[in-house]
Amino acid sequence: MKHFSFALILFLVVAALLGCAAPAPTALPPTAAPIVQPTQAPAACALRLATTTSTADSGLLAAILPDFEKKFNCKVDVVAVGTGQALEIGSKGDADVVLVHARKSEDKFVADGFAKERFDVMYNDFILVGPKSDPAKVIGAESGKDAFKLIADSQSAFASRGDKSGTNTKELSIWASAGMTPTKEMKWYNALGQGMGETLLASNEGNFYTIADRGTYLSLQAKLPNLVIVLGGETIDQNPDKALYNPYGVMVVNPDKFPSVNAGMASNFIQWILSPETQTAIGAFGKEKFGQALFYANAAK
């Protein structure tokens, strides 16, 4: 009887203890990690411009491009080479826009389908510079053809860019008009394979004659103490040979041929550089420093 009572008491004590215990927590499903959308910075905008050394060496691009970059929030990556190289870059789809100065080559670029249209932008002129002593007696010549004949007849040292640039193309056309094709066998003829700035500096050191665009010559004149203008006059209006005028054209590389071309921004660039505001800036460039414009804007109205 005692054993039964003890067991009953033990049972009641355990039951009481279990009843007082806190209920087991209900299991909750694990909380999923919050979904965070990655924040991506907008792709940087870059416009590839293949152009001539004269637009860069003269300082024109440095003066006007910041306006475009600010207005369109797009950096312009400039490759300044000879016109031939600039057009070659465009013909491979490695540029969005080309700004060059060799009209026949530009027209062929369009005809070959690498661009749909060419637009006039500006012009300047070519001049002939040479040693102050003028050993070929070029001063007083009325044309590039006459001047080149005098240089060849006297075998005076001449520096050619030799880089298939617009300037080099113009030079070779003048030699052709004079009935000549200069070769490396002519010891007085030096094909340097350099840009306009480098060719002018080499001519200054070597007392060479050379042909140059007026803008680059004026921008570097302080570094060319041994050279003077022997044909072309002090301003474009004084140039006696109007065949030495030098037009520049701009073209969008054909996006139908090269889908990687930034066609929208390239079109913005065309509209910007042909706009009255930018044309005014081009026409004003150089006047304050040199007393004359280095380029003359001529976009169609």
Protein backbone atom coordinates (compact mmCIF):
# COMPACT_ATOMS: atom_id res chain seq x y z
CA MET A 1 0.00 0.00 0.00
CA LYS A 2 2.87 2.31 0.85
CA HIS A 3 4.56 1.52 -2.47
CA PHE A 4 1.41 2.41 -4.35
CA SER A 5 1.04 5.72 -2.54
CA PHE A 6 4.69 6.66 -3.23
CA ALA A 7 4.32 5.92 -6.93
CA LEU A 8 1.15 7.95 -7.11
CA ILE A 9 2.79 10.92 -5.44
CA LEU A 10 5.81 10.73 -7.80
CA PHE A 11 3.52 10.66 -10.80
CA LEU A 12 1.61 13.73 -9.64
CA VAL A 13 4.86 15.68 -8.98
CA VAL A 14 6.24 14.97 -12.48
CA ALA A 15 2.93 15.91 -14.10
CA ALA A 16 2.92 19.20 -12.21
CA LEU A 17 6.44 20.01 -13.31
CA LEU A 18 5.64 19.30 -16.96
CA GLY A 19 2.58 21.48 -16.82
CA CYS A 20 4.60 24.45 -15.56
CA ALA A 21 7.26 24.21 -18.32
CA ALA A 22 7.11 26.80 -21.15
CA PRO A 23 5.57 25.49 -24.35
CA ALA A 24 8.04 24.57 -27.03
CA PRO A 25 8.49 27.41 -29.58
CA THR A 26 6.88 26.89 -32.95
CA ALA A 27 9.56 26.38 -35.57
CA LEU A 28 9.70 29.27 -38.13
CA PRO A 29 10.87 28.91 -41.69
CA PRO A 30 14.32 30.42 -42.33
CA THR A 31 14.19 34.06 -43.44
CA ALA A 32 15.31 34.46 -47.07
CA ALA A 33 18.20 36.87 -47.69
CA PRO A 34 16.98 40.19 -49.15
CA ILE A 35 17.35 40.51 -52.92
CA VAL A 36 19.72 43.37 -53.72
CA GLN A 37 19.80 44.63 -57.28
CA PRO A 38 23.37 45.42 -58.34
CA THR A 39 23.99 49.11 -58.91
CA GLN A 40 25.71 49.68 -62.23
CA ALA A 41 27.25 52.96 -63.25
CA PRO A 42 26.12 54.09 -66.69
CA ALA A 43 28.49 53.07 -69.44
CA ALA A 44 31.08 55.76 -70.10
CA CYS A 45 30.49 57.55 -73.40
CA ALA A 46 33.42 57.89 -75.75
CA LEU A 47 33.47 59.14 -79.34
CA ARG A 48 36.39 58.04 -81.52
CA LEU A 49 37.63 60.86 -83.75
CA ALA A 50 40.26 60.12 -86.40
CA THR A 51 41.68 63.38 -87.67
CA THR A 52 44.76 65.09 -89.07
CA THR A 53 47.75 66.32 -87.13
CA SER A 54 47.00 69.91 -88.13
CA THR A 55 43.75 70.07 -86.16
CA ALA A 56 45.62 68.88 -83.07
CA ASP A 57 49.02 70.57 -83.56
CA SER A 58 47.39 73.95 -84.19
CA GLY A 59 45.53 73.72 -80.87
CA LEU A 60 42.08 73.90 -82.49
CA LEU A 61 40.73 70.67 -81.02
CA ALA A 62 41.91 71.55 -77.52
CA ALA A 63 40.05 74.85 -77.86
CA ILE A 64 36.69 73.58 -79.12
CA LEU A 65 36.20 69.96 -78.00
CA PRO A 66 35.54 70.70 -74.30
CA ASP A 67 32.28 72.38 -75.37
CA PHE A 68 31.09 69.21 -77.11
CA GLU A 69 32.15 66.99 -74.22
CA LYS A 70 30.27 69.14 -71.73
CA LYS A 71 27.10 69.44 -73.79
CA PHE A 72 26.82 65.75 -74.58
CA ASN A 73 28.60 64.28 -71.53
CA CYS A 74 30.81 62.31 -73.87
CA LYS A 75 34.60 62.21 -74.08
CA VAL A 76 36.21 62.54 -77.49
CA ASP A 77 39.11 60.14 -78.01
CA VAL A 78 41.30 61.84 -80.63
CA VAL A 79 43.67 59.97 -82.91
CA ALA A 80 45.65 62.63 -84.81
CA VAL A 81 47.52 61.18 -87.78
CA GLY A 82 47.87 61.94 -91.46
CA THR A 83 44.68 62.07 -93.51
CA GLY A 84 45.55 58.80 -95.25
CA GLN A 85 45.93 57.02 -91.93
CA ALA A 86 42.79 58.65 -90.52
CA LEU A 87 40.74 57.43 -93.47
CA GLU A 88 42.29 53.97 -93.17
CA ILE A 89 41.25 53.86 -89.51
CA GLY A 90 37.73 54.83 -90.54
CA SER A 91 37.66 52.24 -93.32
CA LYS A 92 38.24 49.53 -90.71
CA GLY A 93 35.45 50.77 -88.48
CA ASP A 94 37.92 51.82 -85.77
CA ALA A 95 36.58 55.40 -85.64
CA ASP A 96 33.14 56.93 -85.35
CA VAL A 97 33.95 60.21 -87.09
CA VAL A 98 36.74 61.39 -89.39
CA LEU A 99 37.81 65.03 -89.86
CA VAL A 100 40.38 65.32 -92.65
CA HIS A 101 41.63 67.42 -95.58
CA ALA A 102 42.17 65.58 -98.85
CA ARG A 103 39.06 66.08 -100.95
CA LYS A 104 39.65 63.38 -103.57
CA SER A 105 40.37 60.81 -100.88
CA GLU A 106 37.31 61.94 -98.92
CA ASP A 107 35.06 61.59 -101.97
CA LYS A 108 36.44 58.09 -102.56
CA PHE A 109 35.78 57.24 -98.89
CA VAL A 110 32.11 58.07 -99.45
CA ALA A 111 31.97 56.35 -102.86
CA ASP A 112 33.37 53.18 -101.33
CA GLY A 113 30.60 53.15 -98.74
CA PHE A 114 32.68 53.92 -95.67
CA ALA A 115 30.58 57.06 -95.08
CA LYS A 116 27.23 58.17 -96.42
CA GLU A 117 27.98 61.88 -96.75
CA ARG A 118 30.75 64.44 -96.43
CA PHE A 119 30.24 67.91 -94.95
CA ASP A 120 32.36 71.04 -95.38
CA VAL A 121 33.65 72.30 -92.03
CA MET A 122 36.41 74.84 -92.62
CA TYR A 123 39.46 75.66 -94.70
CA ASN A 124 42.87 77.25 -94.40
CA ASP A 125 45.76 77.28 -96.84
CA PHE A 126 49.12 75.72 -97.52
CA ILE A 127 52.28 77.79 -97.50
CA LEU A 128 55.86 77.09 -98.44
CA VAL A 129 58.47 77.85 -95.80
CA GLY A 130 62.23 77.73 -96.04
CA PRO A 131 65.57 79.08 -94.82
CA LYS A 132 65.88 82.83 -94.39
CA SER A 133 68.70 82.82 -96.97
CA ASP A 134 66.25 81.36 -99.55
CA PRO A 135 68.92 79.52 -101.58
CA ALA A 136 66.40 78.49 -104.28
CA LYS A 137 65.23 82.12 -104.71
CA VAL A 138 61.61 81.11 -104.17
CA ILE A 139 60.46 84.45 -102.75
CA GLY A 140 58.58 86.20 -105.52
CA ALA A 141 57.23 82.98 -107.11
CA GLU A 142 53.54 83.15 -108.01
CA SER A 143 52.61 79.49 -107.57
CA GLY A 144 53.56 76.29 -105.84
CA LYS A 145 54.45 74.80 -109.20
CA ASP A 146 56.98 77.58 -109.93
CA ALA A 147 58.42 77.39 -106.42
CA PHE A 148 58.93 73.62 -106.61
CA LYS A 149 60.68 73.95 -109.96
CA LEU A 150 63.11 76.45 -108.43
CA ILE A 151 63.83 74.12 -105.50
CA ALA A 152 64.42 71.15 -107.78
CA ASP A 153 66.60 73.09 -110.26
CA SER A 154 68.80 74.36 -107.43
CA GLN A 155 68.66 70.98 -105.61
CA SER A 156 67.94 72.82 -102.38
CA ALA A 157 67.11 70.58 -99.43
CA PHE A 158 63.39 69.82 -99.16
CA ALA A 159 61.55 67.98 -96.38
CA SER A 160 58.44 66.00 -97.23
CA ARG A 161 56.11 64.59 -94.60
CA GLY A 162 56.09 61.36 -96.60
CA ASP A 163 53.17 60.01 -94.58
CA LYS A 164 50.24 59.93 -97.06
CA SER A 165 48.68 62.85 -95.22
CA GLY A 166 46.58 65.54 -96.85
CA THR A 167 49.64 67.79 -96.85
CA ASN A 168 51.79 65.07 -98.41
CA THR A 169 49.10 64.42 -101.03
CA LYS A 170 49.02 68.13 -101.89
CA GLU A 171 52.79 68.29 -102.10
CA LEU A 172 52.95 65.34 -104.51
CA SER A 173 50.26 66.89 -106.69
CA ILE A 174 52.36 70.07 -106.96
CA TRP A 175 55.44 68.07 -107.96
CA ALA A 176 53.30 66.32 -110.59
CA SER A 177 52.12 69.67 -111.95
CA ALA A 178 55.79 70.63 -112.26
CA GLY A 179 56.43 67.44 -114.26
CA MET A 180 58.37 65.70 -111.49
CA THR A 181 58.13 62.66 -109.27
CA PRO A 182 60.60 63.02 -106.40
CA THR A 183 62.37 59.86 -105.26
CA LYS A 184 64.66 58.84 -102.42
CA GLU A 185 67.55 58.76 -104.90
CA MET A 186 67.39 62.55 -105.04
CA LYS A 187 69.73 63.45 -102.19
CA TRP A 188 68.14 66.87 -101.66
CA TYR A 189 64.67 65.32 -101.15
CA ASN A 190 63.97 64.06 -97.64
CA ALA A 191 60.82 61.99 -96.97
CA LEU A 192 60.55 62.00 -93.17
CA GLY A 193 57.42 59.99 -92.50
CA GLN A 194 56.48 62.47 -89.77
CA GLY A 195 53.55 64.68 -88.81
CA MET A 196 53.36 68.38 -89.61
CA GLY A 197 54.82 69.61 -86.35
CA GLU A 198 57.78 67.24 -86.47
CA THR A 199 58.44 68.07 -90.13
CA LEU A 200 58.52 71.80 -89.41
CA LEU A 201 60.89 71.33 -86.49
CA ALA A 202 63.17 69.14 -88.63
CA SER A 203 63.10 71.74 -91.41
CA ASN A 204 64.08 74.42 -88.93
CA GLU A 205 67.06 72.35 -87.77
CA GLY A 206 68.13 71.21 -91.23
CA ASN A 207 67.43 74.42 -93.17
CA PHE A 208 64.95 72.60 -95.41
CA TYR A 209 62.14 73.94 -97.51
CA THR A 210 58.78 72.33 -96.76
CA ILE A 211 55.07 72.76 -97.38
CA ALA A 212 52.84 73.25 -94.35
CA ASP A 213 49.34 74.29 -93.45
CA ARG A 214 49.41 77.88 -92.24
CA GLY A 215 47.70 77.07 -88.94
CA THR A 216 50.34 74.62 -87.73
CA TYR A 217 53.15 76.90 -88.88
CA LEU A 218 51.76 79.89 -86.98
CA SER A 219 51.15 77.83 -83.85
CA LEU A 220 54.80 76.66 -83.88
CA GLN A 221 56.41 79.81 -85.29
CA ALA A 222 58.11 80.70 -82.01
CA LYS A 223 60.03 77.42 -82.24
CA LEU A 224 61.03 77.96 -85.89
CA PRO A 225 63.50 80.86 -85.83
CA ASN A 226 65.33 79.70 -88.94
CA LEU A 227 62.26 79.49 -91.20
CA VAL A 228 60.28 82.15 -93.07
CA ILE A 229 57.28 82.02 -95.38
CA VAL A 230 58.68 82.06 -98.91
CA LEU A 231 55.35 81.52 -100.70
CA GLY A 232 51.89 82.28 -99.35
CA GLY A 233 52.16 85.75 -97.88
CA GLU A 234 51.53 86.76 -94.28
CA THR A 235 47.80 86.00 -94.44
CA ILE A 236 45.56 83.78 -96.54
CA ASP A 237 44.36 86.82 -98.52
CA GLN A 238 47.94 87.43 -99.63
CA ASN A 239 48.46 83.89 -100.93
CA PRO A 240 48.97 84.31 -104.70
CA ASP A 241 48.17 80.64 -105.45
CA LYS A 242 44.51 79.91 -104.72
CA ALA A 243 45.21 76.25 -105.56
CA LEU A 244 46.91 76.13 -102.15
CA TYR A 245 43.60 76.56 -100.33
CA ASN A 246 43.01 73.61 -98.04
CA PRO A 247 39.42 72.47 -97.29
CA TYR A 248 38.49 70.17 -94.39
CA GLY A 249 35.57 67.74 -94.37
CA VAL A 250 33.85 65.69 -91.68
CA MET A 251 32.12 62.31 -92.08
CA VAL A 252 30.35 59.76 -89.89
CA VAL A 253 31.73 56.27 -90.46
CA ASN A 254 28.93 54.19 -91.98
CA PRO A 255 27.12 52.29 -89.17
CA ASP A 256 25.48 50.00 -91.75
CA LYS A 257 28.92 48.68 -92.60
CA PHE A 258 30.26 48.80 -89.03
CA PRO A 259 27.59 48.23 -86.34
CA SER A 260 30.07 49.12 -83.58
CA VAL A 261 30.06 52.77 -84.71
CA ASN A 262 28.50 55.09 -82.13
CA ALA A 263 26.19 56.47 -84.80
CA GLY A 264 23.96 58.53 -82.51
CA MET A 265 26.79 60.41 -80.85
CA ALA A 266 28.62 60.72 -84.17
CA SER A 267 25.54 62.46 -85.60
CA ASN A 268 25.53 64.75 -82.58
CA PHE A 269 29.14 65.61 -83.33
CA ILE A 270 28.33 66.48 -86.95
CA GLN A 271 25.44 68.72 -85.93
CA TRP A 272 27.59 70.34 -83.26
CA ILE A 273 30.62 71.11 -85.43
CA LEU A 274 28.41 72.49 -88.22
CA SER A 275 26.32 74.60 -85.84
CA PRO A 276 26.63 78.41 -86.03
CA GLU A 277 28.01 78.51 -82.49
CA THR A 278 30.88 76.10 -83.19
CA GLN A 279 31.53 77.61 -86.61
CA THR A 280 31.94 80.98 -84.92
CA ALA A 281 34.40 79.46 -82.44
CA ILE A 282 36.41 77.92 -85.28
CA GLY A 283 36.55 81.22 -87.14
CA ALA A 284 37.69 83.07 -84.03
CA PHE A 285 40.42 80.61 -83.08
CA GLY A 286 43.87 82.15 -83.34
CA LYS A 287 42.81 85.75 -83.93
CA GLU A 288 43.73 86.99 -80.50
CA LYS A 289 47.11 85.24 -80.38
CA PHE A 290 48.21 85.45 -84.01
CA GLY A 291 46.23 88.39 -85.32
CA GLN A 292 44.48 86.16 -87.85
CA ALA A 293 42.27 83.08 -87.88
CA LEU A 294 44.00 79.74 -88.30
CA PHE A 295 40.89 78.23 -89.88
CA TYR A 296 37.94 79.72 -91.77
CA ALA A 297 34.57 78.15 -91.08
CA ASN A 298 32.57 77.27 -94.20
CA ALA A 299 29.77 74.88 -93.22
CA ALA A 300 26.73 75.16 -95.46
CA LYS A 301 24.12 77.53 -94.11
